[in-house]
Amino acid sequence: MKKSLLKYFQKRFSGVKFILLLLFLWGLGGNSQTLDAYLQTAAENNPKLKSAYAQFEAAMQQAPQVSSLPDPALTMSAFGQMVETRLGAQEARFSLMQMFPWFGTLQAKKNASILMAEAKFQNYLNLRNQLFFDVKSVYAELYALEKTIQLKRENLAILDSYHELSLSRFKSGNAPMVNVIKVDIKREAAKTEIKLLEELMKPLETEFNLMLNQKSDMIVQVQDTLMFRNPKILLDSVDLFKNHPSVFSLKKQKESYEIQQIVAQKEGLPMLGLGIDYSIISKRTDANPEMNGQDAIMPMFTVTLPIFRKKYKAAKKEAAFMVSSMEQEQEAQKNELQSAYEVTVYNLKKAEQLIVLYEKQLVSSVQANKLLISGFSNATIDFEEVLQMNQDILMLQTQKVEAIKNGFTAEAKLDYLISKTEK
């Protein structure tokens, strides 16, 4: 993280609060060390996130620009034909003028700029949180894909054993040849499915690596077990999202535009100018009056006359409309977050319930499968039932993996939705 960002927050926060904020910014704490490392890499290398941070840095440079006085004006005049005065000929003239905006104008501009910079930083935080969710989502997809391939390979090995069993029973005259053909059909289908899933791995790994801005062909290490917790569901979610970075950014923009109304009003007031005029005068040779040839120094005071009021009124109205726009956008954003929150909570609960269901069904299905294989070996069960039960077990296993993936993704989404910012 860049030094300027650290300095910025060291000024605003200290001690434990500063350390906690750094933990928040770096996205520490997650589901595995490997995933944490990927998240940190994404936070440091993602081009879109770095662009958002650069925009924040740029916005931070606005305050010293808008809060500075206008440059003083220096005027120099030299006379080709010297102008005669009572004290002598005027050879040259120098004028220096400094204009001052109305009282409080520069401070108001600075405050508006700082608030807009804070809004940019909130956008950066929101984009970082969204990036973390995207990384976790693709990570979960890779986990589910690897697990599914593993399950299908194990199933293929089971089908190979069924092939040997059905072939042995055919040779012994205890089963028809059609059983062997049925197993071979299932085996070819399983091989094709595995191949297609393996080919899907590359585009997913490419997508994942590009989010981290690293080589697209790098191998992604995915943990063996993907866990998700059951976070506390907040029933009263009316004010849950008021401190979400996306909402807080709009709030800061609104406050900035409110101050810009004050800026527009103050810019419609006169500017004051203080200056000095210095004239170089040569001595008279035809006479010697008192103060002969003494240079002239004259203080000056200037006031601008802002009589053309349309531009100031328009600027004030523009800022007022933007305040109203930010208010409405805040409400719209909170409504979107509220809607997404309700759906995500449902998806999380659904995943938990489905995992429990699939685990129970798998226990019963495995027991039933053992009985069916025993019955087939004793020629009391049709081989079609054995194949069907095997497919049912595979389906339950892959559905459980899918439910785990969906639960993990829902938890990641919930982390994004209830994320808060530092005031």
Protein backbone atom coordinates (compact mmCIF):
# COMPACT_ATOMS: atom_id res chain seq x y z
CA MET A 1 0.00 0.00 0.00
CA LYS A 2 1.38 3.38 -0.89
CA LYS A 3 2.94 5.64 1.72
CA SER A 4 0.61 8.55 1.04
CA LEU A 5 -2.41 6.38 1.86
CA LEU A 6 -0.80 5.23 5.11
CA LYS A 7 0.02 8.82 6.08
CA TYR A 8 -3.53 9.88 5.29
CA PHE A 9 -5.04 7.35 7.66
CA GLN A 10 -2.34 7.73 10.32
CA LYS A 11 -3.50 11.33 10.63
CA ARG A 12 -7.15 10.35 10.93
CA PHE A 13 -6.78 7.20 13.01
CA SER A 14 -4.31 6.05 15.60
CA GLY A 15 -3.38 3.00 17.64
CA VAL A 16 -5.65 -0.01 17.47
CA LYS A 17 -8.15 1.69 15.13
CA PHE A 18 -5.38 2.26 12.57
CA ILE A 19 -4.26 -1.39 12.76
CA LEU A 20 -7.84 -2.60 12.38
CA LEU A 21 -8.29 -0.37 9.36
CA LEU A 22 -5.17 -1.81 7.74
CA LEU A 23 -6.51 -5.31 8.31
CA PHE A 24 -9.74 -4.23 6.66
CA LEU A 25 -7.94 -2.69 3.70
CA TRP A 26 -5.78 -5.71 3.08
CA GLY A 27 -8.70 -8.13 3.29
CA LEU A 28 -7.10 -10.34 5.91
CA GLY A 29 -9.03 -13.12 7.58
CA GLY A 30 -10.72 -15.60 5.32
CA ASN A 31 -11.05 -19.25 4.58
CA SER A 32 -7.47 -20.30 3.97
CA GLN A 33 -3.96 -18.94 3.76
CA THR A 34 -3.92 -19.62 0.04
CA LEU A 35 -7.09 -17.66 -0.57
CA ASP A 36 -5.84 -14.83 1.65
CA ALA A 37 -2.67 -14.66 -0.44
CA TYR A 38 -4.74 -14.49 -3.63
CA LEU A 39 -6.89 -11.70 -2.18
CA GLN A 40 -3.85 -9.68 -1.18
CA THR A 41 -2.32 -10.18 -4.63
CA ALA A 42 -5.55 -8.99 -6.22
CA ALA A 43 -5.64 -5.93 -3.96
CA GLU A 44 -2.07 -5.04 -4.92
CA ASN A 45 -2.08 -5.87 -8.63
CA ASN A 46 -5.58 -5.57 -10.08
CA PRO A 47 -5.44 -2.79 -12.74
CA LYS A 48 -8.97 -1.54 -12.16
CA LEU A 49 -8.37 -1.30 -8.43
CA LYS A 50 -5.05 0.48 -8.97
CA SER A 51 -6.84 2.90 -11.27
CA ALA A 52 -9.42 3.66 -8.57
CA TYR A 53 -6.64 4.25 -6.06
CA ALA A 54 -4.86 6.58 -8.51
CA GLN A 55 -8.10 8.55 -8.87
CA PHE A 56 -8.20 8.91 -5.09
CA GLU A 57 -4.58 10.09 -5.10
CA ALA A 58 -5.41 12.59 -7.84
CA ALA A 59 -8.43 13.87 -5.92
CA MET A 60 -6.22 14.41 -2.87
CA GLN A 61 -4.19 16.86 -4.93
CA GLN A 62 -7.20 19.08 -5.60
CA ALA A 63 -7.33 20.62 -2.11
CA PRO A 64 -4.03 22.55 -2.32
CA GLN A 65 -4.99 23.75 -5.79
CA VAL A 66 -8.41 25.19 -4.98
CA SER A 67 -7.39 26.60 -1.59
CA SER A 68 -4.48 28.66 -2.93
CA LEU A 69 -4.64 32.37 -3.63
CA PRO A 70 -4.62 33.55 -7.25
CA ASP A 71 -1.16 34.33 -8.56
CA PRO A 72 -0.17 37.96 -8.05
CA ALA A 73 0.02 40.13 -11.16
CA LEU A 74 3.13 42.19 -11.91
CA THR A 75 2.90 44.94 -14.53
CA MET A 76 5.97 46.69 -15.91
CA SER A 77 5.81 49.77 -18.15
CA ALA A 78 8.67 51.62 -19.83
CA PHE A 79 8.08 54.92 -21.60
CA GLY A 80 9.57 55.49 -25.02
CA GLN A 81 9.00 59.17 -24.58
CA MET A 82 9.32 60.04 -20.93
CA VAL A 83 6.31 61.52 -19.21
CA GLU A 84 7.15 64.77 -17.42
CA THR A 85 5.98 65.26 -13.84
CA ARG A 86 6.58 68.11 -11.40
CA LEU A 87 9.39 66.13 -9.79
CA GLY A 88 10.97 64.91 -12.99
CA ALA A 89 10.55 62.66 -15.98
CA GLN A 90 8.80 59.29 -15.35
CA GLU A 91 11.09 56.64 -16.85
CA ALA A 92 9.41 53.33 -15.81
CA ARG A 93 6.50 52.03 -13.79
CA PHE A 94 5.97 48.78 -11.85
CA SER A 95 2.64 47.58 -10.45
CA LEU A 96 2.12 44.53 -8.22
CA MET A 97 -1.43 43.36 -7.40
CA GLN A 98 -2.71 40.45 -5.29
CA MET A 99 -6.38 39.51 -5.44
CA PHE A 100 -8.16 37.90 -2.46
CA PRO A 101 -11.43 35.96 -2.81
CA TRP A 102 -14.21 36.80 -0.38
CA PHE A 103 -13.71 35.64 3.19
CA GLY A 104 -14.18 31.86 3.57
CA THR A 105 -14.22 31.10 -0.16
CA LEU A 106 -10.91 29.25 -0.25
CA GLN A 107 -11.71 27.23 2.87
CA ALA A 108 -15.08 26.24 1.44
CA LYS A 109 -13.42 25.11 -1.80
CA LYS A 110 -10.89 23.10 0.20
CA ASN A 111 -13.59 21.40 2.28
CA ALA A 112 -15.59 20.51 -0.82
CA SER A 113 -12.48 19.06 -2.46
CA ILE A 114 -11.57 16.97 0.61
CA LEU A 115 -15.08 15.53 0.77
CA MET A 116 -14.92 14.61 -2.91
CA ALA A 117 -11.55 12.92 -2.32
CA GLU A 118 -13.09 10.91 0.54
CA ALA A 119 -15.86 9.88 -1.85
CA LYS A 120 -13.19 8.65 -4.27
CA PHE A 121 -11.60 6.61 -1.50
CA GLN A 122 -14.97 5.05 -0.64
CA ASN A 123 -15.31 4.11 -4.31
CA TYR A 124 -11.90 2.48 -4.06
CA LEU A 125 -12.98 0.50 -0.97
CA ASN A 126 -16.21 -0.59 -2.63
CA LEU A 127 -14.37 -1.70 -5.76
CA ARG A 128 -11.85 -3.59 -3.63
CA ASN A 129 -14.65 -5.37 -1.77
CA GLN A 130 -16.35 -6.21 -5.06
CA LEU A 131 -13.04 -7.55 -6.38
CA PHE A 132 -12.68 -9.78 -3.32
CA PHE A 133 -16.16 -11.15 -3.93
CA ASP A 134 -15.34 -11.84 -7.60
CA VAL A 135 -12.09 -13.59 -6.66
CA LYS A 136 -13.87 -15.75 -4.09
CA SER A 137 -16.64 -16.58 -6.58
CA VAL A 138 -14.25 -17.82 -9.25
CA TYR A 139 -12.22 -19.60 -6.58
CA ALA A 140 -15.39 -21.44 -5.52
CA GLU A 141 -16.09 -22.31 -9.16
CA LEU A 142 -12.60 -23.81 -9.47
CA TYR A 143 -13.10 -25.77 -6.26
CA ALA A 144 -16.42 -27.16 -7.47
CA LEU A 145 -14.94 -28.01 -10.85
CA GLU A 146 -11.98 -29.88 -9.36
CA LYS A 147 -14.22 -31.78 -6.94
CA THR A 148 -16.65 -32.69 -9.70
CA ILE A 149 -13.83 -33.99 -11.91
CA GLN A 150 -12.53 -36.01 -8.98
CA LEU A 151 -15.96 -37.51 -8.31
CA LYS A 152 -16.47 -38.38 -11.97
CA ARG A 153 -13.07 -40.05 -12.13
CA GLU A 154 -13.94 -42.11 -9.06
CA ASN A 155 -17.26 -42.95 -10.70
CA LEU A 156 -15.42 -44.01 -13.86
CA ALA A 157 -13.32 -46.40 -11.77
CA ILE A 158 -16.53 -47.81 -10.29
CA LEU A 159 -17.97 -48.25 -13.79
CA ASP A 160 -14.78 -50.07 -14.80
CA SER A 161 -15.33 -52.50 -11.93
CA TYR A 162 -18.97 -52.91 -13.03
CA HIS A 163 -17.71 -53.66 -16.52
CA GLU A 164 -15.50 -56.44 -15.18
CA LEU A 165 -18.34 -57.76 -13.00
CA SER A 166 -20.93 -57.80 -15.81
CA LEU A 167 -18.41 -59.31 -18.24
CA SER A 168 -17.53 -62.03 -15.72
CA ARG A 169 -21.20 -62.86 -15.17
CA PHE A 170 -21.80 -62.96 -18.92
CA LYS A 171 -18.92 -65.36 -19.43
CA SER A 172 -20.27 -67.57 -16.69
CA GLY A 173 -23.71 -67.52 -18.35
CA ASN A 174 -25.43 -65.77 -15.45
CA ALA A 175 -26.15 -62.43 -17.19
CA PRO A 176 -26.80 -61.18 -20.71
CA MET A 177 -24.25 -59.31 -22.88
CA VAL A 178 -26.48 -56.25 -22.84
CA ASN A 179 -25.28 -55.45 -19.31
CA VAL A 180 -21.73 -55.09 -20.58
CA ILE A 181 -22.91 -52.80 -23.36
CA LYS A 182 -24.88 -50.62 -20.91
CA VAL A 183 -21.81 -50.19 -18.70
CA ASP A 184 -19.67 -49.30 -21.72
CA ILE A 185 -22.19 -46.61 -22.72
CA LYS A 186 -21.98 -45.11 -19.23
CA ARG A 187 -18.17 -45.30 -19.27
CA GLU A 188 -17.86 -43.45 -22.59
CA ALA A 189 -20.26 -40.78 -21.37
CA ALA A 190 -18.23 -40.40 -18.16
CA LYS A 191 -14.96 -40.04 -20.11
CA THR A 192 -16.46 -37.32 -22.32
CA GLU A 193 -17.85 -35.44 -19.32
CA ILE A 194 -14.46 -35.54 -17.59
CA LYS A 195 -12.71 -34.26 -20.69
CA LEU A 196 -15.14 -31.38 -21.10
CA LEU A 197 -14.78 -30.40 -17.45
CA GLU A 198 -10.99 -30.50 -17.71
CA GLU A 199 -11.17 -28.20 -20.72
CA LEU A 200 -13.36 -25.81 -18.72
CA MET A 201 -10.61 -25.51 -16.11
CA LYS A 202 -8.36 -23.39 -18.36
CA PRO A 203 -10.77 -20.47 -19.02
CA LEU A 204 -11.67 -20.37 -15.33
CA GLU A 205 -8.01 -20.28 -14.30
CA THR A 206 -7.38 -17.59 -16.92
CA GLU A 207 -10.23 -15.47 -15.53
CA PHE A 208 -8.92 -15.93 -12.01
CA ASN A 209 -5.32 -15.05 -12.90
CA LEU A 210 -6.32 -11.99 -14.88
CA MET A 211 -8.22 -10.61 -11.88
CA LEU A 212 -4.91 -10.88 -10.01
CA ASN A 213 -3.10 -9.39 -13.02
CA GLN A 214 -0.71 -12.32 -13.25
CA LYS A 215 0.19 -14.72 -16.06
CA SER A 216 -2.94 -16.39 -17.38
CA ASP A 217 -1.34 -19.84 -17.50
CA MET A 218 -0.35 -19.94 -13.83
CA ILE A 219 -1.75 -22.91 -11.93
CA VAL A 220 -4.30 -21.94 -9.29
CA GLN A 221 -3.93 -23.82 -6.02
CA VAL A 222 -7.37 -24.61 -4.59
CA GLN A 223 -7.82 -26.00 -1.10
CA ASP A 224 -9.24 -29.49 -0.62
CA THR A 225 -12.09 -28.42 1.62
CA LEU A 226 -14.22 -25.34 1.14
CA MET A 227 -16.02 -24.21 4.27
CA PHE A 228 -18.50 -21.44 4.89
CA ARG A 229 -19.80 -20.23 8.18
CA ASN A 230 -23.28 -19.22 9.18
CA PRO A 231 -22.92 -15.52 10.04
CA LYS A 232 -25.40 -13.76 12.25
CA ILE A 233 -28.32 -12.70 10.11
CA LEU A 234 -29.42 -9.19 10.98
CA LEU A 235 -33.19 -9.06 10.98
CA ASP A 236 -33.40 -5.28 11.35
CA SER A 237 -31.66 -4.20 8.15
CA VAL A 238 -33.25 -0.76 7.75
CA ASP A 239 -30.02 1.11 8.55
CA LEU A 240 -27.72 -1.79 7.75
CA PHE A 241 -26.33 -0.24 4.58
CA LYS A 242 -25.98 3.43 5.47
CA ASN A 243 -22.25 2.93 6.09
CA HIS A 244 -21.64 0.67 3.11
CA PRO A 245 -18.76 2.17 1.06
CA SER A 246 -20.95 2.62 -2.02
CA VAL A 247 -23.58 4.49 0.02
CA PHE A 248 -21.02 6.38 2.10
CA SER A 249 -19.35 7.58 -1.10
CA LEU A 250 -22.62 9.11 -2.27
CA LYS A 251 -23.07 10.70 1.15
CA LYS A 252 -19.67 12.38 0.90
CA GLN A 253 -20.46 13.58 -2.60
CA LYS A 254 -23.71 15.06 -1.33
CA GLU A 255 -21.87 16.89 1.46
CA SER A 256 -19.36 18.15 -1.09
CA TYR A 257 -22.10 19.55 -3.32
CA GLU A 258 -23.73 21.19 -0.29
CA ILE A 259 -20.50 23.07 0.34
CA GLN A 260 -20.23 23.87 -3.37
CA GLN A 261 -23.50 25.77 -2.96
CA ILE A 262 -21.70 27.94 -0.40
CA VAL A 263 -18.75 28.29 -2.78
CA ALA A 264 -21.07 29.46 -5.57
CA GLN A 265 -22.61 32.01 -3.24
CA LYS A 266 -19.24 33.34 -2.06
CA GLU A 267 -17.86 33.53 -5.58
CA GLY A 268 -20.73 35.89 -6.34
CA LEU A 269 -19.29 38.33 -3.79
CA PRO A 270 -16.56 40.87 -4.64
CA MET A 271 -12.90 39.95 -4.74
CA LEU A 272 -10.56 42.33 -2.96
CA GLY A 273 -7.18 43.35 -4.32
CA LEU A 274 -4.20 44.90 -2.59
CA GLY A 275 -1.21 46.20 -4.51
CA ILE A 276 1.52 48.72 -4.88
CA ASP A 277 2.56 51.00 -7.74
CA TYR A 278 6.19 52.11 -8.04
CA SER A 279 7.36 54.75 -10.52
CA ILE A 280 11.01 55.59 -11.32
CA ILE A 281 11.45 59.34 -11.78
CA SER A 282 14.60 61.10 -13.01
CA LYS A 283 15.81 64.41 -11.60
CA ARG A 284 14.95 67.68 -13.28
CA THR A 285 17.89 69.67 -14.56
CA ASP A 286 16.00 72.87 -15.29
CA ALA A 287 14.86 73.31 -11.70
CA ASN A 288 15.34 71.86 -8.25
CA PRO A 289 11.93 71.46 -6.59
CA GLU A 290 11.57 69.78 -3.21
CA MET A 291 11.90 65.95 -3.51
CA ASN A 292 13.38 66.38 -6.97
CA GLY A 293 13.73 63.01 -8.75
CA GLN A 294 12.30 61.01 -5.87
CA ASP A 295 10.60 57.78 -6.97
CA ALA A 296 6.85 57.55 -6.40
CA ILE A 297 5.26 54.73 -4.34
CA MET A 298 1.49 54.39 -4.34
CA PRO A 299 -0.57 51.70 -2.53
CA MET A 300 -3.58 50.38 -4.45
CA PHE A 301 -6.88 48.76 -3.51
CA THR A 302 -9.11 46.96 -6.05
CA VAL A 303 -12.61 45.56 -5.79
CA THR A 304 -14.24 43.38 -8.46
CA LEU A 305 -17.86 44.05 -9.33
CA PRO A 306 -19.71 40.72 -9.83
CA ILE A 307 -22.69 42.32 -11.57
CA PHE A 308 -23.30 39.52 -14.08
CA ARG A 309 -25.25 37.24 -11.74
CA LYS A 310 -26.50 34.52 -14.07
CA LYS A 311 -23.39 32.35 -13.83
CA TYR A 312 -23.38 32.47 -10.00
CA LYS A 313 -27.07 31.64 -9.77
CA ALA A 314 -26.62 28.80 -12.26
CA ALA A 315 -23.66 27.38 -10.30
CA LYS A 316 -25.69 27.44 -7.08
CA LYS A 317 -28.65 25.72 -8.76
CA GLU A 318 -26.34 23.13 -10.31
CA ALA A 319 -24.94 22.25 -6.88
CA ALA A 320 -28.47 22.07 -5.42
CA PHE A 321 -29.60 19.68 -8.17
CA MET A 322 -26.54 17.51 -7.54
CA VAL A 323 -27.39 17.39 -3.81
CA SER A 324 -30.86 16.15 -4.70
CA SER A 325 -29.39 13.66 -7.16
CA MET A 326 -27.03 12.23 -4.53
CA GLU A 327 -29.91 11.86 -2.05
CA GLN A 328 -31.96 9.88 -4.55
CA GLU A 329 -28.97 7.81 -5.61
CA GLN A 330 -28.25 6.95 -1.98
CA GLU A 331 -31.79 5.64 -1.55
CA ALA A 332 -31.57 3.67 -4.78
CA GLN A 333 -28.25 2.13 -3.76
CA LYS A 334 -29.55 1.16 -0.32
CA ASN A 335 -32.61 -0.42 -1.95
CA GLU A 336 -30.38 -2.46 -4.27
CA LEU A 337 -28.24 -3.61 -1.37
CA GLN A 338 -31.36 -4.48 0.65
CA SER A 339 -32.75 -6.56 -2.20
CA ALA A 340 -29.43 -8.35 -2.76
CA TYR A 341 -29.15 -8.96 1.00
CA GLU A 342 -32.51 -10.74 1.18
CA VAL A 343 -31.66 -12.97 -1.78
CA THR A 344 -28.20 -13.74 -0.39
CA VAL A 345 -29.57 -14.70 3.03
CA TYR A 346 -32.01 -17.05 1.31
CA ASN A 347 -29.23 -18.60 -0.79
CA LEU A 348 -27.07 -19.12 2.29
CA LYS A 349 -29.85 -20.84 4.24
CA LYS A 350 -30.79 -22.87 1.17
CA ALA A 351 -27.21 -24.12 0.76
CA GLU A 352 -27.05 -25.18 4.41
CA GLN A 353 -30.33 -27.10 4.23
CA LEU A 354 -29.42 -28.79 0.95
CA ILE A 355 -26.05 -29.95 2.28
CA VAL A 356 -27.77 -31.58 5.27
CA LEU A 357 -30.31 -33.21 2.94
CA TYR A 358 -27.68 -34.52 0.49
CA GLU A 359 -25.55 -35.95 3.31
CA LYS A 360 -28.54 -37.89 4.65
CA GLN A 361 -29.50 -39.10 1.19
CA LEU A 362 -25.93 -40.17 0.46
CA VAL A 363 -25.80 -42.33 3.58
CA SER A 364 -29.03 -44.10 2.60
CA SER A 365 -28.04 -44.36 -1.09
CA VAL A 366 -24.66 -45.95 -0.31
CA GLN A 367 -26.39 -48.53 1.88
CA ALA A 368 -28.95 -49.23 -0.85
CA ASN A 369 -26.17 -49.51 -3.45
CA LYS A 370 -24.39 -52.18 -1.42
CA LEU A 371 -27.61 -54.17 -1.21
CA LEU A 372 -28.22 -53.84 -4.95
CA ILE A 373 -24.69 -55.02 -5.82
CA SER A 374 -25.10 -57.99 -3.50
CA GLY A 375 -28.46 -58.78 -5.10
CA PHE A 376 -26.98 -58.54 -8.60
CA SER A 377 -24.18 -60.89 -7.62
CA ASN A 378 -26.81 -63.35 -6.42
CA ALA A 379 -28.86 -62.85 -9.64
CA THR A 380 -31.84 -61.40 -7.77
CA ILE A 381 -31.50 -57.76 -8.91
CA ASP A 382 -31.57 -56.32 -12.42
CA PHE A 383 -28.30 -54.68 -13.45
CA GLU A 384 -30.17 -51.56 -14.58
CA GLU A 385 -31.03 -50.82 -10.94
CA VAL A 386 -27.36 -51.02 -9.98
CA LEU A 387 -26.38 -48.54 -12.70
CA GLN A 388 -29.22 -46.19 -11.81
CA MET A 389 -28.31 -46.17 -8.12
CA ASN A 390 -24.68 -45.47 -9.01
CA GLN A 391 -25.78 -42.46 -11.09
CA ASP A 392 -28.03 -41.30 -8.26
CA ILE A 393 -25.10 -41.37 -5.83
CA LEU A 394 -22.92 -39.40 -8.28
CA MET A 395 -25.69 -36.85 -8.74
CA LEU A 396 -26.06 -36.39 -4.97
CA GLN A 397 -22.30 -35.99 -4.58
CA THR A 398 -22.08 -33.33 -7.31
CA GLN A 399 -25.17 -31.57 -5.95
CA LYS A 400 -23.53 -31.42 -2.54
CA VAL A 401 -20.41 -29.89 -4.08
CA GLU A 402 -22.60 -27.36 -5.89
CA ALA A 403 -24.39 -26.51 -2.63
CA ILE A 404 -21.04 -25.98 -0.88
CA LYS A 405 -19.94 -23.70 -3.72
CA ASN A 406 -23.21 -21.76 -3.57
CA GLY A 407 -22.98 -21.41 0.22
CA PHE A 408 -19.40 -20.15 0.03
CA THR A 409 -20.34 -17.67 -2.70
CA ALA A 410 -23.36 -16.49 -0.70
CA GLU A 411 -21.17 -15.94 2.35
CA ALA A 412 -18.73 -13.93 0.23
CA LYS A 413 -21.62 -11.88 -1.12
CA LEU A 414 -22.91 -11.29 2.40
CA ASP A 415 -19.45 -10.10 3.47
CA TYR A 416 -19.54 -7.59 0.63
CA LEU A 417 -23.07 -6.41 1.37
CA ILE A 418 -22.59 -5.80 5.10
CA SER A 419 -19.11 -4.34 4.79
CA LYS A 420 -18.73 -1.01 6.55
CA THR A 421 -16.41 1.92 6.16
CA GLU A 422 -14.50 4.04 8.62
CA LYS A 423 -16.03 7.43 9.28
